[in-house]
C-alpha atoms as a PDB file:
ATOM      1  CA  UNK A   1       0.000   0.000   0.000  1.00  0.00           C
ATOM      2  CA  UNK A   2       1.386   3.356  -1.026  1.00  0.00           C
ATOM      3  CA  UNK A   3       0.568   6.320   1.161  1.00  0.00           C
ATOM      4  CA  UNK A   4       1.263   9.876   0.105  1.00  0.00           C
ATOM      5  CA  UNK A   5       2.768  12.562   2.301  1.00  0.00           C
ATOM      6  CA  UNK A   6      -0.515  14.474   2.071  1.00  0.00           C
ATOM      7  CA  UNK A   7      -2.422  11.475   3.431  1.00  0.00           C
ATOM      8  CA  UNK A   8      -0.010  11.192   6.351  1.00  0.00           C
ATOM      9  CA  UNK A   9      -0.316  14.915   7.068  1.00  0.00           C
ATOM     10  CA  UNK A  10      -4.104  14.636   6.926  1.00  0.00           C
ATOM     11  CA  UNK A  11      -4.105  11.745   9.404  1.00  0.00           C
ATOM     12  CA  UNK A  12      -1.832  13.665  11.779  1.00  0.00           C
ATOM     13  CA  UNK A  13      -3.989  16.794  11.535  1.00  0.00           C
ATOM     14  CA  UNK A  14      -7.140  14.794  12.287  1.00  0.00           C
ATOM     15  CA  UNK A  15      -5.543  13.128  15.295  1.00  0.00           C
ATOM     16  CA  UNK A  16      -4.210  16.431  16.631  1.00  0.00           C
ATOM     17  CA  UNK A  17      -7.629  18.011  16.183  1.00  0.00           C
ATOM     18  CA  UNK A  18      -9.185  15.150  18.141  1.00  0.00           C
ATOM     19  CA  UNK A  19     -11.200  14.008  15.138  1.00  0.00           C
ATOM     20  CA  UNK A  20     -11.677  10.280  14.745  1.00  0.00           C
ATOM     21  CA  UNK A  21      -9.534   9.380  17.730  1.00  0.00           C
ATOM     22  CA  UNK A  22      -8.887   5.676  17.282  1.00  0.00           C
ATOM     23  CA  UNK A  23      -6.040   3.732  18.908  1.00  0.00           C
ATOM     24  CA  UNK A  24      -5.742   1.449  15.845  1.00  0.00           C
ATOM     25  CA  UNK A  25      -5.438   4.447  13.565  1.00  0.00           C
ATOM     26  CA  UNK A  26      -2.729   5.901  15.797  1.00  0.00           C
ATOM     27  CA  UNK A  27      -0.838   2.591  15.847  1.00  0.00           C
ATOM     28  CA  UNK A  28      -1.089   2.405  12.051  1.00  0.00           C
ATOM     29  CA  UNK A  29       0.266   5.940  11.700  1.00  0.00           C
ATOM     30  CA  UNK A  30       3.158   5.302  14.084  1.00  0.00           C
ATOM     31  CA  UNK A  31       4.070   2.077  12.255  1.00  0.00           C
ATOM     32  CA  UNK A  32       3.924   3.899   8.935  1.00  0.00           C
ATOM     33  CA  UNK A  33       6.153   6.706  10.178  1.00  0.00           C
ATOM     34  CA  UNK A  34       8.655   4.138  11.479  1.00  0.00           C
ATOM     35  CA  UNK A  35       8.740   2.511   8.039  1.00  0.00           C
ATOM     36  CA  UNK A  36       9.326   5.896   6.429  1.00  0.00           C
ATOM     37  CA  UNK A  37      12.159   6.650   8.839  1.00  0.00           C
ATOM     38  CA  UNK A  38      13.746   3.264   8.103  1.00  0.00           C
ATOM     39  CA  UNK A  39      13.536   3.927   4.365  1.00  0.00           C
ATOM     40  CA  UNK A  40      15.127   7.364   4.788  1.00  0.00           C
ATOM     41  CA  UNK A  41      17.972   5.807   6.777  1.00  0.00           C
ATOM     42  CA  UNK A  42      18.533   3.103   4.137  1.00  0.00           C
ATOM     43  CA  UNK A  43      18.587   5.738   1.399  1.00  0.00           C
ATOM     44  CA  UNK A  44      21.042   7.907   3.354  1.00  0.00           C
ATOM     45  CA  UNK A  45      23.296   4.885   3.949  1.00  0.00           C
ATOM     46  CA  UNK A  46      23.181   3.985   0.238  1.00  0.00           C
ATOM     47  CA  UNK A  47      24.130   7.547  -0.768  1.00  0.00           C
ATOM     48  CA  UNK A  48      26.951   7.568   1.774  1.00  0.00           C
ATOM     49  CA  UNK A  49      28.309   4.302   0.370  1.00  0.00           C
ATOM     50  CA  UNK A  50      28.162   5.681  -3.184  1.00  0.00           C
ATOM     51  CA  UNK A  51      30.034   8.808  -2.146  1.00  0.00           C
ATOM     52  CA  UNK A  52      32.691   6.764  -0.363  1.00  0.00           C
ATOM     53  CA  UNK A  53      33.091   4.447  -3.365  1.00  0.00           C
ATOM     54  CA  UNK A  54      33.487   7.447  -5.668  1.00  0.00           C
ATOM     55  CA  UNK A  55      36.014   9.012  -3.326  1.00  0.00           C
ATOM     56  CA  UNK A  56      38.133   5.850  -3.152  1.00  0.00           C
ATOM     57  CA  UNK A  57      37.897   5.349  -6.921  1.00  0.00           C
ATOM     58  CA  UNK A  58      39.316   8.842  -7.495  1.00  0.00           C
ATOM     59  CA  UNK A  59      42.192   8.170  -5.086  1.00  0.00           C
ATOM     60  CA  UNK A  60      43.319   5.109  -6.999  1.00  0.00           C
END
């Protein structure tokens, strides 16, 4: 399931406004945000590895 940033923002706004307060919805949102954070970390690690590989290639 693909969720857009706008959908996440909408869910957060609704929860902060007290609309549709549902523990399952909150758990879903927290799990989703954790997945997003993990993906960002993997992407950052991949970019760091590419930069390091390029750096070492230029030194050789």
